[in-house]
């Protein structure tokens, strides 16, 4: 089971990196999310995959699941959701202001604006 989860985490990393190298802002945002999901699976995998055991210690229990990775993942999911929401709002605002979401065009528009600012100033 661990090998399947490791392969899935690797695939999420690969898809995330591929999408982050694309030329539109929305794909970069989705790639960042995929990369964080791969990291979540990697942390769960490091904590161990124990089936059927409770994540609490009580007297007389010999098999239990470590609750620390689960707590870390829960916190990371909330932070990742906030980061994704911020990235989406930032990408939408960039599209509204610049009229495009393609990174090459944004780079050229920024360069053109800097040159026009230098001429008038």
N, C-alpha and C. Protein backbone atom coordinates (compact mmCIF):
# COMPACT_ATOMS: atom_id res chain seq x y z
N UNK A 1 0.82 -1.20 0.00
CA UNK A 1 0.00 0.00 0.00
C UNK A 1 0.87 1.27 0.00
N UNK A 2 1.98 1.19 0.75
CA UNK A 2 2.85 2.36 0.81
C UNK A 2 3.44 2.71 -0.55
N UNK A 3 3.74 1.68 -1.34
CA UNK A 3 4.32 1.95 -2.66
C UNK A 3 3.32 2.62 -3.58
N UNK A 4 2.04 2.26 -3.47
CA UNK A 4 1.01 2.91 -4.29
C UNK A 4 0.88 4.38 -3.91
N UNK A 5 0.88 4.67 -2.62
CA UNK A 5 0.76 6.05 -2.16
C UNK A 5 2.01 6.85 -2.57
N UNK A 6 3.18 6.21 -2.54
CA UNK A 6 4.40 6.89 -2.96
C UNK A 6 4.36 7.23 -4.44
N UNK A 7 3.84 6.30 -5.26
CA UNK A 7 3.72 6.56 -6.70
C UNK A 7 2.72 7.69 -6.96
N UNK A 8 1.60 7.68 -6.24
CA UNK A 8 0.61 8.74 -6.41
C UNK A 8 1.19 10.09 -6.00
N UNK A 9 1.93 10.13 -4.90
CA UNK A 9 2.57 11.38 -4.47
C UNK A 9 3.56 11.85 -5.53
N UNK A 10 4.33 10.93 -6.09
CA UNK A 10 5.27 11.30 -7.15
C UNK A 10 4.56 11.83 -8.39
N UNK A 11 3.44 11.20 -8.75
CA UNK A 11 2.66 11.69 -9.89
C UNK A 11 2.10 13.09 -9.63
N UNK A 12 1.64 13.32 -8.41
CA UNK A 12 1.13 14.66 -8.07
C UNK A 12 2.25 15.70 -8.15
N UNK A 13 3.45 15.33 -7.69
CA UNK A 13 4.60 16.23 -7.82
C UNK A 13 4.89 16.52 -9.29
N UNK A 14 4.90 15.45 -10.12
CA UNK A 14 5.22 15.62 -11.54
C UNK A 14 4.19 16.50 -12.24
N UNK A 15 2.90 16.25 -11.99
CA UNK A 15 1.85 17.06 -12.60
C UNK A 15 1.93 18.50 -12.11
N UNK A 16 2.18 18.68 -10.81
CA UNK A 16 2.29 20.02 -10.25
C UNK A 16 3.43 20.81 -10.85
N UNK A 17 4.59 20.19 -10.99
CA UNK A 17 5.73 20.88 -11.59
C UNK A 17 5.47 21.19 -13.05
N UNK A 18 4.87 20.23 -13.77
CA UNK A 18 4.55 20.46 -15.19
C UNK A 18 3.60 21.65 -15.34
N UNK A 19 2.56 21.71 -14.50
CA UNK A 19 1.60 22.81 -14.61
C UNK A 19 2.22 24.14 -14.19
N UNK A 20 3.14 24.11 -13.22
CA UNK A 20 3.77 25.35 -12.80
C UNK A 20 4.68 25.92 -13.87
N UNK A 21 5.13 25.09 -14.80
CA UNK A 21 6.00 25.56 -15.88
C UNK A 21 5.20 26.04 -17.09
N UNK A 22 3.88 26.02 -17.02
CA UNK A 22 3.05 26.48 -18.13
C UNK A 22 3.03 28.00 -18.18
N UNK A 23 2.38 28.54 -19.21
CA UNK A 23 2.46 29.98 -19.46
C UNK A 23 1.21 30.76 -19.09
N UNK A 24 0.26 30.13 -18.38
CA UNK A 24 -0.91 30.88 -17.93
C UNK A 24 -1.00 30.83 -16.41
N UNK A 25 -1.55 31.88 -15.84
CA UNK A 25 -1.60 32.00 -14.39
C UNK A 25 -2.47 30.92 -13.75
N UNK A 26 -3.60 30.58 -14.38
CA UNK A 26 -4.48 29.58 -13.79
C UNK A 26 -3.79 28.23 -13.68
N UNK A 27 -3.03 27.85 -14.69
CA UNK A 27 -2.31 26.58 -14.62
C UNK A 27 -1.23 26.60 -13.55
N UNK A 28 -0.62 27.74 -13.34
CA UNK A 28 0.39 27.86 -12.28
C UNK A 28 -0.27 27.68 -10.91
N UNK A 29 -1.46 28.25 -10.74
CA UNK A 29 -2.18 28.12 -9.47
C UNK A 29 -2.58 26.66 -9.24
N UNK A 30 -3.10 26.00 -10.26
CA UNK A 30 -3.49 24.60 -10.14
C UNK A 30 -2.26 23.73 -9.88
N UNK A 31 -1.14 24.04 -10.53
CA UNK A 31 0.10 23.30 -10.30
C UNK A 31 0.60 23.43 -8.87
N UNK A 32 0.48 24.62 -8.32
CA UNK A 32 0.87 24.82 -6.92
C UNK A 32 0.00 23.99 -5.99
N UNK A 33 -1.29 23.92 -6.27
CA UNK A 33 -2.18 23.10 -5.46
C UNK A 33 -1.83 21.62 -5.57
N UNK A 34 -1.55 21.16 -6.78
CA UNK A 34 -1.18 19.75 -6.97
C UNK A 34 0.11 19.42 -6.23
N UNK A 35 1.05 20.34 -6.26
CA UNK A 35 2.31 20.13 -5.55
C UNK A 35 2.07 20.02 -4.05
N UNK A 36 1.18 20.85 -3.52
CA UNK A 36 0.89 20.77 -2.09
C UNK A 36 0.16 19.48 -1.75
N UNK A 37 -0.72 18.98 -2.63
CA UNK A 37 -1.39 17.71 -2.37
C UNK A 37 -0.38 16.56 -2.35
N UNK A 38 0.61 16.61 -3.23
CA UNK A 38 1.67 15.60 -3.21
C UNK A 38 2.45 15.65 -1.91
N UNK A 39 2.67 16.85 -1.40
CA UNK A 39 3.37 16.99 -0.12
C UNK A 39 2.54 16.43 1.02
N UNK A 40 1.23 16.62 0.97
CA UNK A 40 0.36 16.06 2.01
C UNK A 40 0.47 14.54 2.03
N UNK A 41 0.43 13.93 0.85
CA UNK A 41 0.56 12.47 0.79
C UNK A 41 1.93 12.01 1.27
N UNK A 42 2.97 12.77 0.96
CA UNK A 42 4.31 12.39 1.41
C UNK A 42 4.42 12.44 2.93
N UNK A 43 3.82 13.43 3.56
CA UNK A 43 3.86 13.52 5.02
C UNK A 43 3.07 12.37 5.65
N UNK A 44 1.91 12.05 5.08
CA UNK A 44 1.14 10.91 5.58
C UNK A 44 1.95 9.62 5.43
N UNK A 45 2.65 9.49 4.31
CA UNK A 45 3.45 8.29 4.07
C UNK A 45 4.60 8.17 5.06
N UNK A 46 5.22 9.28 5.40
CA UNK A 46 6.31 9.26 6.37
C UNK A 46 5.79 8.86 7.75
N UNK A 47 4.58 9.29 8.07
CA UNK A 47 3.99 8.92 9.36
C UNK A 47 3.59 7.46 9.45
N UNK A 48 3.49 6.79 8.33
CA UNK A 48 3.11 5.38 8.33
C UNK A 48 1.63 5.20 8.05
N UNK A 49 1.31 4.16 7.32
CA UNK A 49 -0.08 3.86 7.01
C UNK A 49 -0.54 2.69 7.88
N UNK A 50 -1.20 2.99 8.98
CA UNK A 50 -1.73 1.96 9.86
C UNK A 50 -3.24 1.92 9.70
N UNK A 51 -3.74 0.74 9.38
CA UNK A 51 -5.18 0.60 9.18
C UNK A 51 -5.85 0.11 10.45
N UNK A 52 -6.99 0.68 10.74
CA UNK A 52 -7.82 0.18 11.82
C UNK A 52 -7.39 0.52 13.22
N UNK A 53 -6.34 1.28 13.39
CA UNK A 53 -5.88 1.64 14.73
C UNK A 53 -6.31 3.06 15.04
N UNK A 54 -6.69 3.28 16.28
CA UNK A 54 -7.12 4.61 16.71
C UNK A 54 -5.91 5.50 16.95
N UNK A 55 -6.03 6.81 16.68
CA UNK A 55 -4.90 7.71 16.90
C UNK A 55 -4.81 8.24 18.33
N UNK A 56 -5.19 7.42 19.30
CA UNK A 56 -5.11 7.82 20.70
C UNK A 56 -4.43 6.71 21.51
N UNK A 57 -3.79 7.10 22.57
CA UNK A 57 -3.15 6.15 23.47
C UNK A 57 -4.01 6.00 24.73
N UNK A 58 -4.38 4.80 25.01
CA UNK A 58 -5.06 4.50 26.26
C UNK A 58 -4.37 3.29 26.89
N UNK A 59 -4.70 3.00 28.09
CA UNK A 59 -4.08 1.87 28.78
C UNK A 59 -4.49 0.56 28.10
N UNK A 60 -3.51 -0.28 27.89
CA UNK A 60 -3.77 -1.60 27.33
C UNK A 60 -3.79 -1.66 25.81
N UNK A 61 -3.57 -0.53 25.13
CA UNK A 61 -3.55 -0.53 23.67
C UNK A 61 -2.11 -0.63 23.20
N UNK A 62 -1.83 -1.63 22.37
CA UNK A 62 -0.47 -1.81 21.88
C UNK A 62 -0.28 -1.26 20.48
N UNK A 63 -1.35 -1.26 19.65
CA UNK A 63 -1.26 -0.74 18.28
C UNK A 63 -2.05 0.56 18.18
N UNK A 64 -1.38 1.58 17.73
CA UNK A 64 -2.06 2.87 17.56
C UNK A 64 -1.44 3.60 16.37
N UNK A 65 -2.15 4.59 15.88
CA UNK A 65 -1.68 5.41 14.78
C UNK A 65 -1.15 6.71 15.35
N UNK A 66 -0.01 7.17 14.85
CA UNK A 66 0.58 8.42 15.31
C UNK A 66 -0.30 9.59 14.87
N UNK A 67 -0.82 10.40 15.79
CA UNK A 67 -1.72 11.48 15.41
C UNK A 67 -1.01 12.74 14.90
N UNK A 68 0.30 12.84 15.07
CA UNK A 68 1.01 14.07 14.68
C UNK A 68 0.97 14.32 13.17
N UNK A 69 1.25 13.33 12.31
CA UNK A 69 1.14 13.61 10.87
C UNK A 69 -0.27 14.01 10.44
N UNK A 70 -1.27 13.40 11.07
CA UNK A 70 -2.64 13.76 10.73
C UNK A 70 -2.95 15.20 11.11
N UNK A 71 -2.47 15.63 12.27
CA UNK A 71 -2.68 17.02 12.69
C UNK A 71 -1.92 17.99 11.78
N UNK A 72 -0.70 17.61 11.39
CA UNK A 72 0.07 18.46 10.49
C UNK A 72 -0.62 18.59 9.14
N UNK A 73 -1.17 17.49 8.62
CA UNK A 73 -1.85 17.52 7.34
C UNK A 73 -3.10 18.37 7.42
N UNK A 74 -3.85 18.24 8.50
CA UNK A 74 -5.06 19.06 8.66
C UNK A 74 -4.72 20.54 8.66
N UNK A 75 -3.68 20.92 9.36
CA UNK A 75 -3.24 22.31 9.37
C UNK A 75 -2.75 22.74 7.99
N UNK A 76 -2.01 21.88 7.32
CA UNK A 76 -1.49 22.21 5.99
C UNK A 76 -2.61 22.35 4.96
N UNK A 77 -3.67 21.56 5.10
CA UNK A 77 -4.81 21.68 4.18
C UNK A 77 -5.46 23.04 4.32
N UNK A 78 -5.65 23.49 5.55
CA UNK A 78 -6.26 24.80 5.77
C UNK A 78 -5.37 25.91 5.22
N UNK A 79 -4.07 25.84 5.47
CA UNK A 79 -3.15 26.84 4.96
C UNK A 79 -3.10 26.79 3.44
N UNK A 80 -3.09 25.59 2.86
CA UNK A 80 -3.08 25.43 1.41
C UNK A 80 -4.35 25.99 0.77
N UNK A 81 -5.48 25.81 1.41
CA UNK A 81 -6.73 26.37 0.89
C UNK A 81 -6.67 27.90 0.89
N UNK A 82 -6.17 28.48 1.96
CA UNK A 82 -6.03 29.93 2.02
C UNK A 82 -5.07 30.45 0.97
N UNK A 83 -3.96 29.75 0.77
CA UNK A 83 -2.97 30.14 -0.24
C UNK A 83 -3.56 30.05 -1.65
N UNK A 84 -4.31 28.98 -1.92
CA UNK A 84 -4.94 28.82 -3.24
C UNK A 84 -5.97 29.91 -3.48
N UNK A 85 -6.75 30.24 -2.47
CA UNK A 85 -7.74 31.31 -2.61
C UNK A 85 -7.05 32.65 -2.90
N UNK A 86 -5.95 32.92 -2.19
CA UNK A 86 -5.21 34.16 -2.44
C UNK A 86 -4.63 34.18 -3.84
N UNK A 87 -4.08 33.06 -4.30
CA UNK A 87 -3.51 33.00 -5.64
C UNK A 87 -4.58 33.20 -6.71
N UNK A 88 -5.76 32.62 -6.51
CA UNK A 88 -6.85 32.81 -7.47
C UNK A 88 -7.30 34.26 -7.55
N UNK A 89 -7.42 34.90 -6.39
CA UNK A 89 -7.82 36.32 -6.37
C UNK A 89 -6.74 37.17 -7.03
N UNK A 90 -5.48 36.88 -6.75
CA UNK A 90 -4.38 37.63 -7.35
C UNK A 90 -4.34 37.44 -8.86
N UNK A 91 -4.56 36.21 -9.33
CA UNK A 91 -4.57 35.95 -10.77
C UNK A 91 -5.75 36.65 -11.44
N UNK A 92 -6.91 36.65 -10.79
CA UNK A 92 -8.09 37.31 -11.36
C UNK A 92 -7.88 38.82 -11.43
N UNK A 93 -7.32 39.37 -10.38
CA UNK A 93 -7.05 40.82 -10.37
C UNK A 93 -6.01 41.19 -11.43
N UNK A 94 -5.01 40.36 -11.62
CA UNK A 94 -4.01 40.59 -12.66
C UNK A 94 -4.66 40.56 -14.03
N UNK A 95 -5.57 39.62 -14.24
CA UNK A 95 -6.28 39.53 -15.52
C UNK A 95 -7.13 40.77 -15.74
N UNK A 96 -7.78 41.26 -14.68
CA UNK A 96 -8.60 42.47 -14.81
C UNK A 96 -7.75 43.68 -15.17
N UNK A 97 -6.62 43.83 -14.53
CA UNK A 97 -5.79 45.01 -14.74
C UNK A 97 -5.03 44.97 -16.07
N UNK A 98 -4.51 43.80 -16.41
CA UNK A 98 -3.63 43.70 -17.58
C UNK A 98 -4.33 43.20 -18.83
N UNK A 99 -5.49 42.55 -18.67
CA UNK A 99 -6.22 42.07 -19.83
C UNK A 99 -5.73 40.74 -20.37
N UNK A 100 -4.81 40.08 -19.69
CA UNK A 100 -4.31 38.78 -20.13
C UNK A 100 -3.85 37.99 -18.92
N UNK A 101 -3.80 36.67 -19.09
CA UNK A 101 -3.26 35.83 -18.02
C UNK A 101 -2.03 35.06 -18.49
N UNK A 102 -1.54 35.36 -19.66
CA UNK A 102 -0.35 34.70 -20.20
C UNK A 102 0.90 35.40 -19.66
N UNK A 103 1.79 34.61 -19.10
CA UNK A 103 2.95 35.17 -18.41
C UNK A 103 3.90 35.90 -19.36
N UNK A 104 4.06 35.41 -20.58
CA UNK A 104 4.93 36.11 -21.54
C UNK A 104 4.39 37.49 -21.88
N UNK A 105 3.08 37.58 -22.11
CA UNK A 105 2.49 38.89 -22.42
C UNK A 105 2.57 39.83 -21.22
N UNK A 106 2.42 39.30 -20.02
CA UNK A 106 2.55 40.14 -18.83
C UNK A 106 3.96 40.68 -18.71
N UNK A 107 4.96 39.85 -19.02
CA UNK A 107 6.36 40.29 -18.96
C UNK A 107 6.61 41.40 -19.98
N UNK A 108 6.07 41.25 -21.18
CA UNK A 108 6.27 42.27 -22.22
C UNK A 108 5.53 43.56 -21.88
N UNK A 109 4.33 43.45 -21.31
CA UNK A 109 3.60 44.65 -20.91
C UNK A 109 4.34 45.40 -19.81
N UNK A 110 4.91 44.65 -18.87
CA UNK A 110 5.67 45.29 -17.79
C UNK A 110 6.89 46.02 -18.36
N UNK A 111 7.58 45.39 -19.28
CA UNK A 111 8.75 46.00 -19.90
C UNK A 111 8.35 47.24 -20.69
N UNK A 112 7.24 47.17 -21.43
CA UNK A 112 6.77 48.32 -22.20
C UNK A 112 6.37 49.48 -21.29
N UNK A 113 5.74 49.17 -20.16
CA UNK A 113 5.35 50.22 -19.22
C UNK A 113 6.57 50.87 -18.60
N UNK A 114 7.62 50.09 -18.31
CA UNK A 114 8.84 50.66 -17.75
C UNK A 114 9.52 51.58 -18.76
N UNK A 115 9.51 51.19 -20.02
CA UNK A 115 10.13 52.02 -21.05
C UNK A 115 9.34 53.32 -21.25
N UNK A 116 8.01 53.25 -21.23
CA UNK A 116 7.19 54.45 -21.39
C UNK A 116 7.36 55.36 -20.18
N UNK A 117 7.49 54.79 -18.99
CA UNK A 117 7.70 55.60 -17.80
C UNK A 117 9.03 56.31 -17.82
N UNK A 118 10.06 55.70 -18.39
CA UNK A 118 11.38 56.30 -18.50
C UNK A 118 11.41 57.44 -19.50
N UNK A 119 10.60 57.35 -20.53
CA UNK A 119 10.58 58.39 -21.56
C UNK A 119 9.85 59.66 -21.08
N UNK A 120 8.77 59.44 -20.34
CA UNK A 120 7.99 60.61 -19.93
C UNK A 120 8.57 61.29 -18.70
N UNK A 121 9.39 60.58 -17.94
CA UNK A 121 9.90 61.10 -16.68
C UNK A 121 11.21 61.70 -16.79
